[in-house]
Amino acid sequence: MRTSRAADLLGFVVRGLVKHPDQVTVTEVEDERSRVLKLKVHPEDLGRVIGKEGRTAQAIRNLLQVATGQDSKTAKLDILD
């Protein structure tokens, strides 16, 4: 299965933030209007991805929004625990 550029970008950014980059997985679920990127990281790295008061997660969501701005489908991020 081919991943989108948004999923590749998400994986690249998150692997740079975490202590266990080999355990970062990004799965993609699409419907007719949007795509949902589901991010799974090592439990120890969950706080690093979310950040204080969710600031890191919000920055990642903003980056995805900008990266997919020209696409017909919006990208949403779900961080799985």
C-alpha atoms as a PDB file:
ATOM      1  CA  MET A   1       0.000   0.000   0.000  1.00  0.00           C
ATOM      2  CA  ARG A   2       1.343   3.399  -0.955  1.00  0.00           C
ATOM      3  CA  THR A   3       1.407   6.034   1.769  1.00  0.00           C
ATOM      4  CA  SER A   4       0.616   9.657   1.146  1.00  0.00           C
ATOM      5  CA  ARG A   5       3.095  12.480   1.438  1.00  0.00           C
ATOM      6  CA  ALA A   6       1.281  13.634   4.572  1.00  0.00           C
ATOM      7  CA  ALA A   7       1.854  10.245   6.230  1.00  0.00           C
ATOM      8  CA  ASP A   8       5.508  10.283   5.177  1.00  0.00           C
ATOM      9  CA  LEU A   9       5.928  13.798   6.567  1.00  0.00           C
ATOM     10  CA  LEU A  10       4.258  12.837   9.848  1.00  0.00           C
ATOM     11  CA  GLY A  11       6.514   9.810  10.258  1.00  0.00           C
ATOM     12  CA  PHE A  12       9.624  11.865   9.493  1.00  0.00           C
ATOM     13  CA  VAL A  13       8.763  14.613  11.992  1.00  0.00           C
ATOM     14  CA  VAL A  14       7.746  12.277  14.808  1.00  0.00           C
ATOM     15  CA  ARG A  15      10.780   9.994  14.385  1.00  0.00           C
ATOM     16  CA  GLY A  16      12.922  13.058  15.015  1.00  0.00           C
ATOM     17  CA  LEU A  17      11.148  13.763  18.310  1.00  0.00           C
ATOM     18  CA  VAL A  18      11.031  10.370  20.007  1.00  0.00           C
ATOM     19  CA  LYS A  19      13.517   8.079  21.769  1.00  0.00           C
ATOM     20  CA  HIS A  20      12.175   4.953  20.024  1.00  0.00           C
ATOM     21  CA  PRO A  21      11.911   5.933  16.332  1.00  0.00           C
ATOM     22  CA  ASP A  22      11.697   2.298  15.241  1.00  0.00           C
ATOM     23  CA  GLN A  23       8.342   1.978  17.029  1.00  0.00           C
ATOM     24  CA  VAL A  24       6.624   4.850  15.236  1.00  0.00           C
ATOM     25  CA  THR A  25       3.800   3.666  12.986  1.00  0.00           C
ATOM     26  CA  VAL A  26       1.522   5.775  10.843  1.00  0.00           C
ATOM     27  CA  THR A  27      -1.597   4.264   9.331  1.00  0.00           C
ATOM     28  CA  GLU A  28      -3.907   6.080   7.019  1.00  0.00           C
ATOM     29  CA  VAL A  29      -7.675   5.759   6.677  1.00  0.00           C
ATOM     30  CA  GLU A  30      -9.396   7.660   3.870  1.00  0.00           C
ATOM     31  CA  ASP A  31     -12.982   8.503   3.160  1.00  0.00           C
ATOM     32  CA  GLU A  32     -14.404  10.708   0.427  1.00  0.00           C
ATOM     33  CA  ARG A  33     -13.649  14.031   2.164  1.00  0.00           C
ATOM     34  CA  SER A  34     -10.703  13.494   4.454  1.00  0.00           C
ATOM     35  CA  ARG A  35      -7.888  11.238   5.507  1.00  0.00           C
ATOM     36  CA  VAL A  36      -7.177  10.313   9.104  1.00  0.00           C
ATOM     37  CA  LEU A  37      -3.577   9.661  10.038  1.00  0.00           C
ATOM     38  CA  LYS A  38      -3.336   7.379  13.056  1.00  0.00           C
ATOM     39  CA  LEU A  39      -0.062   7.711  14.927  1.00  0.00           C
ATOM     40  CA  LYS A  40       1.187   5.050  17.325  1.00  0.00           C
ATOM     41  CA  VAL A  41       4.376   5.536  19.345  1.00  0.00           C
ATOM     42  CA  HIS A  42       6.114   3.766  22.211  1.00  0.00           C
ATOM     43  CA  PRO A  43       4.274   4.572  25.492  1.00  0.00           C
ATOM     44  CA  GLU A  44       7.403   6.292  26.804  1.00  0.00           C
ATOM     45  CA  ASP A  45       7.318   8.710  23.861  1.00  0.00           C
ATOM     46  CA  LEU A  46       3.668   9.697  24.084  1.00  0.00           C
ATOM     47  CA  GLY A  47       4.419  12.757  26.221  1.00  0.00           C
ATOM     48  CA  ARG A  48       7.071  13.925  23.769  1.00  0.00           C
ATOM     49  CA  VAL A  49       4.602  13.807  20.880  1.00  0.00           C
ATOM     50  CA  ILE A  50       1.805  15.537  22.775  1.00  0.00           C
ATOM     51  CA  GLY A  51       3.987  18.126  24.504  1.00  0.00           C
ATOM     52  CA  LYS A  52       3.107  20.546  27.285  1.00  0.00           C
ATOM     53  CA  GLU A  53      -0.568  21.449  27.094  1.00  0.00           C
ATOM     54  CA  GLY A  54      -0.710  19.714  23.686  1.00  0.00           C
ATOM     55  CA  ARG A  55       1.503  22.282  21.993  1.00  0.00           C
ATOM     56  CA  THR A  56       3.658  19.800  20.083  1.00  0.00           C
ATOM     57  CA  ALA A  57       0.628  17.861  18.858  1.00  0.00           C
ATOM     58  CA  GLN A  58      -1.013  21.107  17.738  1.00  0.00           C
ATOM     59  CA  ALA A  59       2.158  22.153  15.900  1.00  0.00           C
ATOM     60  CA  ILE A  60       2.209  18.796  14.095  1.00  0.00           C
ATOM     61  CA  ARG A  61      -1.464  19.224  13.158  1.00  0.00           C
ATOM     62  CA  ASN A  62      -0.715  22.717  11.812  1.00  0.00           C
ATOM     63  CA  LEU A  63       2.169  21.355   9.761  1.00  0.00           C
ATOM     64  CA  LEU A  64      -0.092  18.667   8.283  1.00  0.00           C
ATOM     65  CA  GLN A  65      -2.729  21.272   7.481  1.00  0.00           C
ATOM     66  CA  VAL A  66      -0.198  23.381   5.587  1.00  0.00           C
ATOM     67  CA  ALA A  67       1.295  20.354   3.830  1.00  0.00           C
ATOM     68  CA  THR A  68      -2.114  19.209   2.586  1.00  0.00           C
ATOM     69  CA  GLY A  69      -3.469  22.654   1.794  1.00  0.00           C
ATOM     70  CA  GLN A  70      -3.473  22.031  -1.963  1.00  0.00           C
ATOM     71  CA  ASP A  71      -5.011  18.543  -1.668  1.00  0.00           C
ATOM     72  CA  SER A  72      -8.688  17.915  -2.116  1.00  0.00           C
ATOM     73  CA  LYS A  73      -8.756  15.950   1.166  1.00  0.00           C
ATOM     74  CA  THR A  74      -7.935  17.366   4.572  1.00  0.00           C
ATOM     75  CA  ALA A  75      -5.666  15.418   6.915  1.00  0.00           C
ATOM     76  CA  LYS A  76      -6.565  14.791  10.542  1.00  0.00           C
ATOM     77  CA  LEU A  77      -4.255  13.393  13.190  1.00  0.00           C
ATOM     78  CA  ASP A  78      -5.217  10.806  15.810  1.00  0.00           C
ATOM     79  CA  ILE A  79      -2.581   9.976  18.408  1.00  0.00           C
ATOM     80  CA  LEU A  80      -3.241   6.479  19.716  1.00  0.00           C
ATOM     81  CA  ASP A  81      -2.207   5.362  23.189  1.00  0.00           C
END
